[in-house]
Amino acid sequence: MGHLGRSQSKDLVPWVTGLRDPEEEHVKHRLKTGDLCLIAALLLALVGGGAWWLINYANGRNTSANGPVVVTQSKDGFRRVDELARDATFTVETNGTGSGRDADGGENVISISEGRVEVKSANCGNQVCVEHAPISQAGEQIVCLPHGLVVEVVAEESDAAALR
């Protein structure tokens, strides 16, 4: 049992060393149907994703004739639309909250400058709207919950949120 015969050791050599039979080397590798379907699906997803990106982001989502607009509105019925490209500053007055500094009436000062919008000041208690970073891209919003005020940048006026 200690020694293998010559024919037995010859059969073990390819298995032990990882060598293949020379007759197997010229066998062609073909892609199977499943492989082709997977490649086609990946290419289709890549082309579709590229087209979606081009439509939504390459043009900056700017479909308005004059560029993005700023829609400022309150739950009390105030609504104002301004072009983001034009500088403006205005005050929005809302009903009071019933307590605190804004008990009798809310007041927010909105500023549009250099293509950015921010709430410069407000008399609400939490000041979240004032501390919010300026916005400039379509889809961004600044909200003052105590005063029921929404300031948003949209590609078109019809894209603005509807307050009720």
N, C-alpha and C. Protein backbone atom coordinates (compact mmCIF):
# COMPACT_ATOMS: atom_id res chain seq x y z
N MET A 1 0.80 -1.19 0.00
CA MET A 1 0.00 0.00 0.00
C MET A 1 0.85 1.26 0.00
N GLY A 2 2.10 1.13 0.20
CA GLY A 2 2.97 2.26 0.28
C GLY A 2 3.24 2.90 -1.06
N HIS A 3 3.28 2.10 -2.16
CA HIS A 3 3.62 2.64 -3.46
C HIS A 3 2.46 2.51 -4.42
N LEU A 4 2.29 3.53 -5.24
CA LEU A 4 1.25 3.47 -6.26
C LEU A 4 1.87 2.97 -7.55
N GLY A 5 1.09 2.30 -8.32
CA GLY A 5 1.58 1.85 -9.62
C GLY A 5 1.72 3.04 -10.56
N ARG A 6 2.46 2.85 -11.64
CA ARG A 6 2.73 3.91 -12.59
C ARG A 6 1.44 4.49 -13.19
N SER A 7 0.48 3.66 -13.54
CA SER A 7 -0.76 4.15 -14.14
C SER A 7 -1.60 4.90 -13.11
N GLN A 8 -1.57 4.47 -11.84
CA GLN A 8 -2.33 5.17 -10.82
C GLN A 8 -1.75 6.55 -10.54
N SER A 9 -0.44 6.69 -10.50
CA SER A 9 0.16 7.98 -10.22
C SER A 9 -0.05 8.93 -11.39
N LYS A 10 -0.11 8.44 -12.61
CA LYS A 10 -0.36 9.29 -13.78
C LYS A 10 -1.77 9.89 -13.71
N ASP A 11 -2.73 9.13 -13.20
CA ASP A 11 -4.10 9.62 -13.07
C ASP A 11 -4.21 10.68 -11.97
N LEU A 12 -3.38 10.64 -10.97
CA LEU A 12 -3.43 11.58 -9.87
C LEU A 12 -2.74 12.91 -10.19
N VAL A 13 -1.79 12.91 -11.12
CA VAL A 13 -0.99 14.10 -11.39
C VAL A 13 -1.86 15.29 -11.79
N PRO A 14 -2.79 15.19 -12.73
CA PRO A 14 -3.60 16.37 -13.07
C PRO A 14 -4.44 16.85 -11.88
N TRP A 15 -4.93 15.93 -11.12
CA TRP A 15 -5.76 16.29 -9.98
C TRP A 15 -4.94 16.99 -8.90
N VAL A 16 -3.78 16.50 -8.62
CA VAL A 16 -2.92 17.05 -7.58
C VAL A 16 -2.32 18.39 -8.03
N THR A 17 -1.85 18.50 -9.23
CA THR A 17 -1.16 19.71 -9.69
C THR A 17 -2.09 20.73 -10.31
N GLY A 18 -3.33 20.39 -10.58
CA GLY A 18 -4.26 21.32 -11.19
C GLY A 18 -4.14 21.39 -12.69
N LEU A 19 -3.36 20.51 -13.31
CA LEU A 19 -3.21 20.51 -14.76
C LEU A 19 -4.45 19.92 -15.40
N ARG A 20 -4.74 20.38 -16.58
CA ARG A 20 -5.90 19.86 -17.30
C ARG A 20 -5.43 19.01 -18.47
N ASP A 21 -6.32 18.24 -18.91
CA ASP A 21 -6.05 17.40 -20.08
C ASP A 21 -5.93 18.32 -21.30
N PRO A 22 -4.90 18.21 -22.12
CA PRO A 22 -4.74 19.07 -23.29
C PRO A 22 -5.94 19.03 -24.24
N GLU A 23 -6.69 17.96 -24.26
CA GLU A 23 -7.86 17.87 -25.13
C GLU A 23 -8.97 18.82 -24.66
N GLU A 24 -9.00 19.16 -23.37
CA GLU A 24 -10.03 20.05 -22.83
C GLU A 24 -9.70 21.52 -23.06
N GLU A 25 -8.48 21.88 -23.38
CA GLU A 25 -8.04 23.25 -23.53
C GLU A 25 -8.69 23.98 -24.70
N HIS A 26 -9.04 23.30 -25.76
CA HIS A 26 -9.59 23.96 -26.93
C HIS A 26 -11.12 24.01 -26.94
N VAL A 27 -11.75 23.71 -25.83
CA VAL A 27 -13.20 23.80 -25.72
C VAL A 27 -13.58 25.29 -25.62
N LYS A 28 -14.52 25.76 -26.46
CA LYS A 28 -14.93 27.16 -26.48
C LYS A 28 -15.90 27.43 -25.34
N HIS A 29 -15.75 28.62 -24.78
CA HIS A 29 -16.66 29.06 -23.73
C HIS A 29 -17.72 29.94 -24.37
N ARG A 30 -18.97 29.55 -24.28
CA ARG A 30 -20.07 30.31 -24.86
C ARG A 30 -20.92 30.89 -23.74
N LEU A 31 -21.48 32.07 -24.02
CA LEU A 31 -22.40 32.67 -23.07
C LEU A 31 -23.73 31.95 -23.15
N LYS A 32 -24.28 31.69 -21.99
CA LYS A 32 -25.58 31.02 -21.94
C LYS A 32 -26.69 32.04 -22.08
N THR A 33 -27.87 31.60 -22.35
CA THR A 33 -29.02 32.47 -22.54
C THR A 33 -29.24 33.36 -21.32
N GLY A 34 -29.12 32.82 -20.14
CA GLY A 34 -29.29 33.61 -18.91
C GLY A 34 -28.26 34.71 -18.80
N ASP A 35 -27.00 34.41 -19.20
CA ASP A 35 -25.94 35.43 -19.18
C ASP A 35 -26.27 36.57 -20.14
N LEU A 36 -26.73 36.23 -21.32
CA LEU A 36 -27.09 37.25 -22.31
C LEU A 36 -28.25 38.12 -21.83
N CYS A 37 -29.24 37.50 -21.20
CA CYS A 37 -30.38 38.25 -20.67
C CYS A 37 -29.93 39.20 -19.56
N LEU A 38 -29.03 38.74 -18.70
CA LEU A 38 -28.52 39.59 -17.62
C LEU A 38 -27.76 40.77 -18.17
N ILE A 39 -26.91 40.55 -19.15
CA ILE A 39 -26.15 41.63 -19.78
C ILE A 39 -27.09 42.63 -20.44
N ALA A 40 -28.10 42.13 -21.15
CA ALA A 40 -29.06 43.01 -21.81
C ALA A 40 -29.84 43.84 -20.78
N ALA A 41 -30.23 43.23 -19.67
CA ALA A 41 -30.97 43.95 -18.64
C ALA A 41 -30.09 45.04 -18.00
N LEU A 42 -28.84 44.74 -17.75
CA LEU A 42 -27.93 45.74 -17.18
C LEU A 42 -27.70 46.90 -18.14
N LEU A 43 -27.54 46.61 -19.43
CA LEU A 43 -27.36 47.67 -20.41
C LEU A 43 -28.61 48.54 -20.52
N LEU A 44 -29.77 47.91 -20.50
CA LEU A 44 -31.03 48.64 -20.56
C LEU A 44 -31.19 49.55 -19.33
N ALA A 45 -30.84 49.03 -18.15
CA ALA A 45 -30.92 49.84 -16.93
C ALA A 45 -29.94 51.01 -17.00
N LEU A 46 -28.77 50.78 -17.52
CA LEU A 46 -27.77 51.84 -17.64
C LEU A 46 -28.24 52.93 -18.59
N VAL A 47 -28.76 52.55 -19.73
CA VAL A 47 -29.25 53.53 -20.71
C VAL A 47 -30.47 54.27 -20.15
N GLY A 48 -31.38 53.56 -19.52
CA GLY A 48 -32.57 54.19 -18.92
C GLY A 48 -32.18 55.15 -17.80
N GLY A 49 -31.25 54.76 -16.95
CA GLY A 49 -30.79 55.63 -15.86
C GLY A 49 -30.12 56.87 -16.40
N GLY A 50 -29.33 56.71 -17.45
CA GLY A 50 -28.67 57.86 -18.07
C GLY A 50 -29.68 58.83 -18.66
N ALA A 51 -30.69 58.31 -19.32
CA ALA A 51 -31.73 59.16 -19.91
C ALA A 51 -32.50 59.89 -18.81
N TRP A 52 -32.83 59.19 -17.72
CA TRP A 52 -33.55 59.81 -16.61
C TRP A 52 -32.72 60.93 -16.01
N TRP A 53 -31.42 60.71 -15.80
CA TRP A 53 -30.54 61.73 -15.24
C TRP A 53 -30.49 62.94 -16.16
N LEU A 54 -30.38 62.69 -17.47
CA LEU A 54 -30.30 63.79 -18.43
C LEU A 54 -31.55 64.65 -18.37
N ILE A 55 -32.70 64.01 -18.31
CA ILE A 55 -33.97 64.73 -18.30
C ILE A 55 -34.14 65.52 -17.01
N ASN A 56 -33.77 64.93 -15.85
CA ASN A 56 -34.04 65.56 -14.56
C ASN A 56 -32.94 66.44 -14.01
N TYR A 57 -31.70 66.14 -14.29
CA TYR A 57 -30.63 66.87 -13.62
C TYR A 57 -29.71 67.65 -14.54
N ALA A 58 -29.49 67.18 -15.72
CA ALA A 58 -28.56 67.88 -16.61
C ALA A 58 -29.06 69.28 -16.95
N ASN A 59 -30.37 69.45 -17.02
CA ASN A 59 -30.90 70.78 -17.30
C ASN A 59 -31.27 71.53 -16.02
N GLY A 60 -30.84 71.01 -14.87
CA GLY A 60 -31.07 71.69 -13.60
C GLY A 60 -32.52 71.72 -13.17
N ARG A 61 -33.35 70.89 -13.75
CA ARG A 61 -34.79 70.86 -13.46
C ARG A 61 -35.39 72.24 -13.62
N ASN A 62 -34.82 73.02 -14.51
CA ASN A 62 -35.26 74.40 -14.72
C ASN A 62 -36.12 74.46 -15.98
N THR A 63 -37.41 74.28 -15.81
CA THR A 63 -38.30 74.26 -16.96
C THR A 63 -39.09 75.55 -17.10
N SER A 64 -38.99 76.43 -16.11
CA SER A 64 -39.70 77.70 -16.17
C SER A 64 -39.00 78.62 -17.17
N ALA A 65 -39.76 79.47 -17.82
CA ALA A 65 -39.19 80.37 -18.83
C ALA A 65 -38.17 81.33 -18.22
N ASN A 66 -38.39 81.79 -17.00
CA ASN A 66 -37.50 82.74 -16.35
C ASN A 66 -36.64 82.09 -15.26
N GLY A 67 -36.60 80.81 -15.18
CA GLY A 67 -35.83 80.13 -14.14
C GLY A 67 -36.72 79.77 -12.97
N PRO A 68 -36.11 79.24 -11.91
CA PRO A 68 -36.88 78.84 -10.73
C PRO A 68 -37.60 80.03 -10.10
N VAL A 69 -38.68 79.73 -9.42
CA VAL A 69 -39.45 80.78 -8.75
C VAL A 69 -39.55 80.45 -7.26
N VAL A 70 -39.79 81.48 -6.49
CA VAL A 70 -39.98 81.35 -5.05
C VAL A 70 -41.46 81.56 -4.77
N VAL A 71 -42.07 80.58 -4.14
CA VAL A 71 -43.48 80.70 -3.77
C VAL A 71 -43.54 80.81 -2.25
N THR A 72 -44.10 81.90 -1.77
CA THR A 72 -44.27 82.12 -0.34
C THR A 72 -45.76 82.12 -0.07
N GLN A 73 -46.19 81.30 0.86
CA GLN A 73 -47.62 81.23 1.15
C GLN A 73 -47.83 80.86 2.61
N SER A 74 -49.00 81.25 3.10
CA SER A 74 -49.36 80.94 4.49
C SER A 74 -50.72 80.26 4.51
N LYS A 75 -50.99 79.62 5.62
CA LYS A 75 -52.29 78.95 5.76
C LYS A 75 -53.42 79.96 5.87
N ASP A 76 -53.08 81.24 6.10
CA ASP A 76 -54.09 82.30 6.19
C ASP A 76 -54.50 82.83 4.82
N GLY A 77 -53.90 82.34 3.76
CA GLY A 77 -54.28 82.77 2.42
C GLY A 77 -53.28 83.65 1.71
N PHE A 78 -52.21 84.06 2.37
CA PHE A 78 -51.18 84.86 1.71
C PHE A 78 -50.45 84.01 0.68
N ARG A 79 -50.21 84.58 -0.50
CA ARG A 79 -49.45 83.88 -1.54
C ARG A 79 -48.73 84.91 -2.39
N ARG A 80 -47.45 84.67 -2.60
CA ARG A 80 -46.64 85.57 -3.42
C ARG A 80 -45.65 84.71 -4.21
N VAL A 81 -45.47 85.09 -5.50
CA VAL A 81 -44.53 84.38 -6.37
C VAL A 81 -43.50 85.37 -6.88
N ASP A 82 -42.22 85.03 -6.70
CA ASP A 82 -41.12 85.88 -7.16
C ASP A 82 -40.12 85.03 -7.93
N GLU A 83 -39.45 85.66 -8.89
CA GLU A 83 -38.37 84.98 -9.59
C GLU A 83 -37.17 84.90 -8.67
N LEU A 84 -36.49 83.78 -8.67
CA LEU A 84 -35.32 83.60 -7.84
C LEU A 84 -34.18 84.52 -8.28
N ALA A 85 -34.18 84.88 -9.55
CA ALA A 85 -33.11 85.72 -10.09
C ALA A 85 -33.25 87.20 -9.72
N ARG A 86 -34.41 87.60 -9.20
CA ARG A 86 -34.62 89.01 -8.85
C ARG A 86 -34.60 89.20 -7.34
N ASP A 87 -33.80 90.15 -6.89
CA ASP A 87 -33.71 90.43 -5.45
C ASP A 87 -34.98 91.10 -4.95
N ALA A 88 -35.42 90.69 -3.77
CA ALA A 88 -36.61 91.28 -3.15
C ALA A 88 -36.57 91.00 -1.65
N THR A 89 -37.18 91.88 -0.90
CA THR A 89 -37.35 91.68 0.54
C THR A 89 -38.77 92.10 0.88
N PHE A 90 -39.48 91.28 1.62
CA PHE A 90 -40.86 91.59 1.98
C PHE A 90 -41.21 90.95 3.32
N THR A 91 -42.28 91.45 3.90
CA THR A 91 -42.74 90.95 5.20
C THR A 91 -44.07 90.25 5.03
N VAL A 92 -44.18 89.08 5.64
CA VAL A 92 -45.43 88.32 5.63
C VAL A 92 -46.03 88.40 7.03
N GLU A 93 -47.27 88.89 7.11
CA GLU A 93 -47.97 88.97 8.40
C GLU A 93 -49.03 87.88 8.47
N THR A 94 -49.06 87.20 9.59
CA THR A 94 -50.01 86.09 9.78
C THR A 94 -50.78 86.31 11.08
N ASN A 95 -51.81 85.51 11.28
CA ASN A 95 -52.58 85.58 12.53
C ASN A 95 -51.68 85.22 13.70
N GLY A 96 -52.02 85.72 14.85
CA GLY A 96 -51.25 85.44 16.05
C GLY A 96 -51.39 84.01 16.51
N THR A 97 -50.44 83.60 17.34
CA THR A 97 -50.46 82.23 17.87
C THR A 97 -51.20 82.13 19.19
N GLY A 98 -51.50 83.30 19.82
CA GLY A 98 -52.24 83.30 21.08
C GLY A 98 -51.36 83.41 22.31
N SER A 99 -50.06 83.24 22.14
CA SER A 99 -49.15 83.37 23.28
C SER A 99 -47.76 83.77 22.80
N GLY A 100 -46.96 84.30 23.69
CA GLY A 100 -45.59 84.67 23.35
C GLY A 100 -45.51 85.97 22.58
N ARG A 101 -44.35 86.20 21.96
CA ARG A 101 -44.10 87.44 21.22
C ARG A 101 -45.05 87.62 20.04
N ASP A 102 -45.50 86.51 19.49
CA ASP A 102 -46.37 86.57 18.31
C ASP A 102 -47.83 86.28 18.66
N ALA A 103 -48.23 86.59 19.89
CA ALA A 103 -49.59 86.31 20.34
C ALA A 103 -50.64 87.02 19.49
N ASP A 104 -50.37 88.28 19.15
CA ASP A 104 -51.36 89.07 18.41
C ASP A 104 -51.17 89.01 16.90
N GLY A 105 -50.00 88.62 16.44
CA GLY A 105 -49.76 88.56 15.00
C GLY A 105 -48.35 88.08 14.69
N GLY A 106 -48.24 87.23 13.68
CA GLY A 106 -46.94 86.72 13.28
C GLY A 106 -46.33 87.59 12.20
N GLU A 107 -45.00 87.63 12.19
CA GLU A 107 -44.32 88.45 11.20
C GLU A 107 -43.02 87.74 10.78
N ASN A 108 -42.86 87.52 9.48
CA ASN A 108 -41.65 86.92 8.92
C ASN A 108 -41.12 87.83 7.81
N VAL A 109 -39.83 88.14 7.84
CA VAL A 109 -39.20 88.96 6.80
C VAL A 109 -38.45 87.99 5.88
N ILE A 110 -38.86 87.97 4.61
CA ILE A 110 -38.28 87.07 3.61
C ILE A 110 -37.35 87.88 2.71
N SER A 111 -36.18 87.32 2.41
CA SER A 111 -35.22 88.00 1.55
C SER A 111 -34.78 87.08 0.42
N ILE A 112 -34.88 87.60 -0.82
CA ILE A 112 -34.38 86.91 -2.00
C ILE A 112 -33.20 87.73 -2.50
N SER A 113 -32.02 87.13 -2.51
CA SER A 113 -30.82 87.87 -2.88
C SER A 113 -29.77 86.92 -3.46
N GLU A 114 -29.18 87.31 -4.59
CA GLU A 114 -28.12 86.54 -5.23
C GLU A 114 -28.51 85.08 -5.49
N GLY A 115 -29.77 84.88 -5.86
CA GLY A 115 -30.26 83.54 -6.19
C GLY A 115 -30.50 82.65 -5.00
N ARG A 116 -30.62 83.23 -3.80
CA ARG A 116 -30.89 82.47 -2.59
C ARG A 116 -32.02 83.10 -1.81
N VAL A 117 -32.75 82.30 -1.06
CA VAL A 117 -33.90 82.77 -0.28
C VAL A 117 -33.66 82.42 1.18
N GLU A 118 -33.99 83.35 2.06
CA GLU A 118 -33.88 83.07 3.49
C GLU A 118 -34.91 83.88 4.27
N VAL A 119 -35.21 83.42 5.47
CA VAL A 119 -36.06 84.16 6.39
C VAL A 119 -35.09 84.97 7.25
N LYS A 120 -35.08 86.28 7.06
CA LYS A 120 -34.15 87.17 7.77
C LYS A 120 -34.51 87.30 9.24
N SER A 121 -35.82 87.44 9.51
CA SER A 121 -36.25 87.57 10.90
C SER A 121 -37.69 87.10 11.02
N ALA A 122 -38.06 86.75 12.24
CA ALA A 122 -39.43 86.32 12.53
C ALA A 122 -39.68 86.52 14.02
N ASN A 123 -40.92 86.71 14.38
CA ASN A 123 -41.23 86.87 15.80
C ASN A 123 -41.83 85.61 16.41
N CYS A 124 -41.61 84.48 15.78
CA CYS A 124 -42.08 83.20 16.33
C CYS A 124 -41.19 82.78 17.49
N GLY A 125 -41.67 81.87 18.30
CA GLY A 125 -40.94 81.47 19.49
C GLY A 125 -39.73 80.57 19.24
N ASN A 126 -39.76 79.74 18.20
CA ASN A 126 -38.68 78.76 18.05
C ASN A 126 -37.56 79.19 17.10
N GLN A 127 -37.78 80.12 16.20
CA GLN A 127 -36.77 80.67 15.28
C GLN A 127 -36.14 79.63 14.35
N VAL A 128 -36.78 78.49 14.15
CA VAL A 128 -36.26 77.46 13.24
C VAL A 128 -36.17 78.00 11.82
N CYS A 129 -37.15 78.77 11.41
CA CYS A 129 -37.15 79.32 10.05
C CYS A 129 -36.00 80.30 9.84
N VAL A 130 -35.66 81.06 10.85
CA VAL A 130 -34.58 82.05 10.75
C VAL A 130 -33.23 81.33 10.74
N GLU A 131 -33.10 80.27 11.51
CA GLU A 131 -31.84 79.53 11.60
C GLU A 131 -31.61 78.60 10.41
N HIS A 132 -32.64 78.37 9.61
CA HIS A 132 -32.51 77.49 8.44
C HIS A 132 -31.55 78.11 7.44
N ALA A 133 -30.72 77.29 6.82
CA ALA A 133 -29.78 77.77 5.79
C ALA A 133 -30.56 78.30 4.59
N PRO A 134 -30.01 79.28 3.89
CA PRO A 134 -30.68 79.79 2.68
C PRO A 134 -30.91 78.67 1.67
N ILE A 135 -31.97 78.78 0.88
CA ILE A 135 -32.29 77.77 -0.12
C ILE A 135 -32.15 78.37 -1.51
N SER A 136 -31.84 77.49 -2.49
CA SER A 136 -31.66 77.99 -3.86
C SER A 136 -32.00 76.96 -4.93
N GLN A 137 -32.27 75.72 -4.56
CA GLN A 137 -32.54 74.67 -5.53
C GLN A 137 -34.02 74.29 -5.52
N ALA A 138 -34.53 73.95 -6.70
CA ALA A 138 -35.93 73.51 -6.80
C ALA A 138 -36.17 72.33 -5.87
N GLY A 139 -37.25 72.42 -5.11
CA GLY A 139 -37.61 71.36 -4.17
C GLY A 139 -37.25 71.68 -2.73
N GLU A 140 -36.45 72.71 -2.49
CA GLU A 140 -36.08 73.07 -1.13
C GLU A 140 -37.13 73.97 -0.51
N GLN A 141 -37.30 73.85 0.83
CA GLN A 141 -38.32 74.62 1.54
C GLN A 141 -37.79 75.15 2.87
N ILE A 142 -38.35 76.27 3.28
CA ILE A 142 -38.19 76.76 4.65
C ILE A 142 -39.61 76.87 5.21
N VAL A 143 -39.82 76.32 6.39
CA VAL A 143 -41.15 76.29 6.97
C VAL A 143 -41.12 76.95 8.35
N CYS A 144 -42.11 77.80 8.60
CA CYS A 144 -42.32 78.38 9.93
C CYS A 144 -43.63 77.79 10.45
N LEU A 145 -43.54 76.77 11.26
CA LEU A 145 -44.74 76.10 11.74
C LEU A 145 -45.63 76.99 12.61
N PRO A 146 -45.07 77.77 13.55
CA PRO A 146 -45.95 78.60 14.38
C PRO A 146 -46.81 79.56 13.55
N HIS A 147 -46.27 80.06 12.44
CA HIS A 147 -47.01 81.03 11.62
C HIS A 147 -47.68 80.37 10.41
N GLY A 148 -47.51 79.09 10.23
CA GLY A 148 -48.13 78.41 9.09
C GLY A 148 -47.62 78.93 7.76
N LEU A 149 -46.31 79.18 7.67
CA LEU A 149 -45.70 79.79 6.49
C LEU A 149 -44.76 78.81 5.79
N VAL A 150 -44.85 78.76 4.47
CA VAL A 150 -43.95 77.92 3.67
C VAL A 150 -43.32 78.80 2.60
N VAL A 151 -41.99 78.74 2.53
CA VAL A 151 -41.23 79.42 1.48
C VAL A 151 -40.52 78.32 0.72
N GLU A 152 -40.75 78.23 -0.60
CA GLU A 152 -40.12 77.14 -1.35
C GLU A 152 -39.66 77.60 -2.72
N VAL A 153 -38.62 76.94 -3.20
CA VAL A 153 -38.12 77.16 -4.55
C VAL A 153 -38.66 76.03 -5.41
N VAL A 154 -39.29 76.39 -6.51
CA VAL A 154 -39.86 75.39 -7.42
C VAL A 154 -39.47 75.73 -8.86
N ALA A 155 -39.46 74.71 -9.71
CA ALA A 155 -39.14 74.94 -11.12
C ALA A 155 -40.25 75.73 -11.79
N GLU A 156 -41.49 75.43 -11.43
CA GLU A 156 -42.65 76.14 -11.98
C GLU A 156 -43.64 76.39 -10.85
N GLU A 157 -44.40 77.44 -10.94
CA GLU A 157 -45.34 77.80 -9.88
C GLU A 157 -46.32 76.67 -9.58
N SER A 158 -46.69 75.91 -10.57
CA SER A 158 -47.65 74.82 -10.37
C SER A 158 -47.07 73.69 -9.51
N ASP A 159 -45.74 73.68 -9.31
CA ASP A 159 -45.10 72.64 -8.50
C ASP A 159 -45.18 72.95 -7.01
N ALA A 160 -45.63 74.13 -6.63
CA ALA A 160 -45.65 74.54 -5.22
C ALA A 160 -46.65 73.70 -4.43
N ALA A 161 -46.32 73.48 -3.17
CA ALA A 161 -47.22 72.74 -2.27
C ALA A 161 -48.51 73.51 -2.10
N ALA A 162 -49.59 72.80 -1.96
CA ALA A 162 -50.90 73.44 -1.76
C ALA A 162 -51.21 73.47 -0.27
N LEU A 163 -51.35 74.66 0.29
CA LEU A 163 -51.71 74.79 1.71
C LEU A 163 -53.22 74.93 1.82
N ARG A 164 -53.76 74.26 2.82
CA ARG A 164 -55.22 74.31 3.04
C ARG A 164 -55.51 74.74 4.44
